[in-house]
Amino acid sequence: ELYEGKTQANSSVWSSLQAPPMPLVERQSYILPTIVEALRETITERGITNKHVLIGTASGSIVEMP
């Protein structure tokens, strides 16, 4: 996901003359002790809840990761 950093720009004033700050890319790596068969994110009708990742494993179980 892309973030502006620890200081947020003023969202009430916008200027086309000043470039916005460059976003920071954050990422996270995980090691799973099983074979991953499928990955899917959760979605809602209006997209207002937190997203989670659903992981389908080779043994038939489903793991949820926030």
C-alpha atoms as a PDB file:
ATOM      1  CA  GLU A   1       0.000   0.000   0.000  1.00  0.00           C
ATOM      2  CA  LEU A   2       1.067   3.595  -0.458  1.00  0.00           C
ATOM      3  CA  TYR A   3       1.375   6.039   2.419  1.00  0.00           C
ATOM      4  CA  GLU A   4       2.352   9.714   2.556  1.00  0.00           C
ATOM      5  CA  GLY A   5       4.462   9.156   5.650  1.00  0.00           C
ATOM      6  CA  LYS A   6       4.089  10.286   9.254  1.00  0.00           C
ATOM      7  CA  THR A   7       3.007  13.832   8.341  1.00  0.00           C
ATOM      8  CA  GLN A   8      -0.155  14.132   6.277  1.00  0.00           C
ATOM      9  CA  ALA A   9      -0.627  16.896   3.722  1.00  0.00           C
ATOM     10  CA  ASN A  10      -3.365  19.454   4.336  1.00  0.00           C
ATOM     11  CA  SER A  11      -6.346  17.907   2.576  1.00  0.00           C
ATOM     12  CA  SER A  12      -8.474  21.067   2.733  1.00  0.00           C
ATOM     13  CA  VAL A  13      -6.078  23.136   0.558  1.00  0.00           C
ATOM     14  CA  TRP A  14      -4.914  21.790  -2.794  1.00  0.00           C
ATOM     15  CA  SER A  15      -2.556  23.473  -5.238  1.00  0.00           C
ATOM     16  CA  SER A  16      -1.687  22.285  -8.745  1.00  0.00           C
ATOM     17  CA  LEU A  17       1.565  24.277  -8.542  1.00  0.00           C
ATOM     18  CA  GLN A  18       3.083  22.232  -5.724  1.00  0.00           C
ATOM     19  CA  ALA A  19       3.830  18.572  -6.259  1.00  0.00           C
ATOM     20  CA  PRO A  20       2.515  16.254  -3.536  1.00  0.00           C
ATOM     21  CA  PRO A  21       5.123  14.407  -1.439  1.00  0.00           C
ATOM     22  CA  MET A  22       6.296  11.122  -2.875  1.00  0.00           C
ATOM     23  CA  PRO A  23       4.474   8.144  -1.311  1.00  0.00           C
ATOM     24  CA  LEU A  24       6.326   5.552   0.735  1.00  0.00           C
ATOM     25  CA  VAL A  25       5.883   1.910  -0.188  1.00  0.00           C
ATOM     26  CA  GLU A  26       5.535  -0.404   2.795  1.00  0.00           C
ATOM     27  CA  ARG A  27       5.663  -4.157   2.509  1.00  0.00           C
ATOM     28  CA  GLN A  28       5.731  -7.160   4.773  1.00  0.00           C
ATOM     29  CA  SER A  29       7.002 -10.688   4.156  1.00  0.00           C
ATOM     30  CA  TYR A  30       5.716 -13.864   5.770  1.00  0.00           C
ATOM     31  CA  ILE A  31       6.921 -17.454   5.887  1.00  0.00           C
ATOM     32  CA  LEU A  32       4.095 -19.989   5.989  1.00  0.00           C
ATOM     33  CA  PRO A  33       4.866 -23.565   7.075  1.00  0.00           C
ATOM     34  CA  THR A  34       2.500 -25.039   4.472  1.00  0.00           C
ATOM     35  CA  ILE A  35       1.836 -25.014   0.746  1.00  0.00           C
ATOM     36  CA  VAL A  36      -0.340 -22.097  -0.343  1.00  0.00           C
ATOM     37  CA  GLU A  37      -2.949 -23.077  -2.943  1.00  0.00           C
ATOM     38  CA  ALA A  38      -4.928 -19.803  -3.164  1.00  0.00           C
ATOM     39  CA  LEU A  39      -4.865 -16.181  -1.990  1.00  0.00           C
ATOM     40  CA  ARG A  40      -7.800 -13.770  -1.942  1.00  0.00           C
ATOM     41  CA  GLU A  41      -8.561 -10.462  -0.234  1.00  0.00           C
ATOM     42  CA  THR A  42     -11.858  -9.816   1.485  1.00  0.00           C
ATOM     43  CA  ILE A  43     -14.132  -7.161   0.039  1.00  0.00           C
ATOM     44  CA  THR A  44     -17.340  -5.540   1.189  1.00  0.00           C
ATOM     45  CA  GLU A  45     -20.106  -3.878  -0.754  1.00  0.00           C
ATOM     46  CA  ARG A  46     -18.956  -0.326  -0.025  1.00  0.00           C
ATOM     47  CA  GLY A  47     -15.328  -1.028   0.852  1.00  0.00           C
ATOM     48  CA  ILE A  48     -15.469   0.607   4.274  1.00  0.00           C
ATOM     49  CA  THR A  49     -14.223  -2.249   6.461  1.00  0.00           C
ATOM     50  CA  ASN A  50     -10.651  -3.428   6.957  1.00  0.00           C
ATOM     51  CA  LYS A  51      -9.292  -5.812   4.352  1.00  0.00           C
ATOM     52  CA  HIS A  52      -7.963  -9.231   5.238  1.00  0.00           C
ATOM     53  CA  VAL A  53      -6.145 -11.854   3.189  1.00  0.00           C
ATOM     54  CA  LEU A  54      -7.619 -15.345   3.010  1.00  0.00           C
ATOM     55  CA  ILE A  55      -5.072 -18.098   2.385  1.00  0.00           C
ATOM     56  CA  GLY A  56      -6.158 -21.515   1.120  1.00  0.00           C
ATOM     57  CA  THR A  57      -3.666 -24.232   2.072  1.00  0.00           C
ATOM     58  CA  ALA A  58      -2.948 -27.589   0.478  1.00  0.00           C
ATOM     59  CA  SER A  59      -4.479 -29.401   3.465  1.00  0.00           C
ATOM     60  CA  GLY A  60      -7.845 -27.747   2.760  1.00  0.00           C
ATOM     61  CA  SER A  61      -7.825 -25.221   5.587  1.00  0.00           C
ATOM     62  CA  ILE A  62      -8.335 -21.479   5.280  1.00  0.00           C
ATOM     63  CA  VAL A  63      -6.126 -19.039   7.173  1.00  0.00           C
ATOM     64  CA  GLU A  64      -7.153 -15.388   7.688  1.00  0.00           C
ATOM     65  CA  MET A  65      -4.504 -12.685   8.004  1.00  0.00           C
ATOM     66  CA  PRO A  66      -5.368  -9.017   8.770  1.00  0.00           C
END
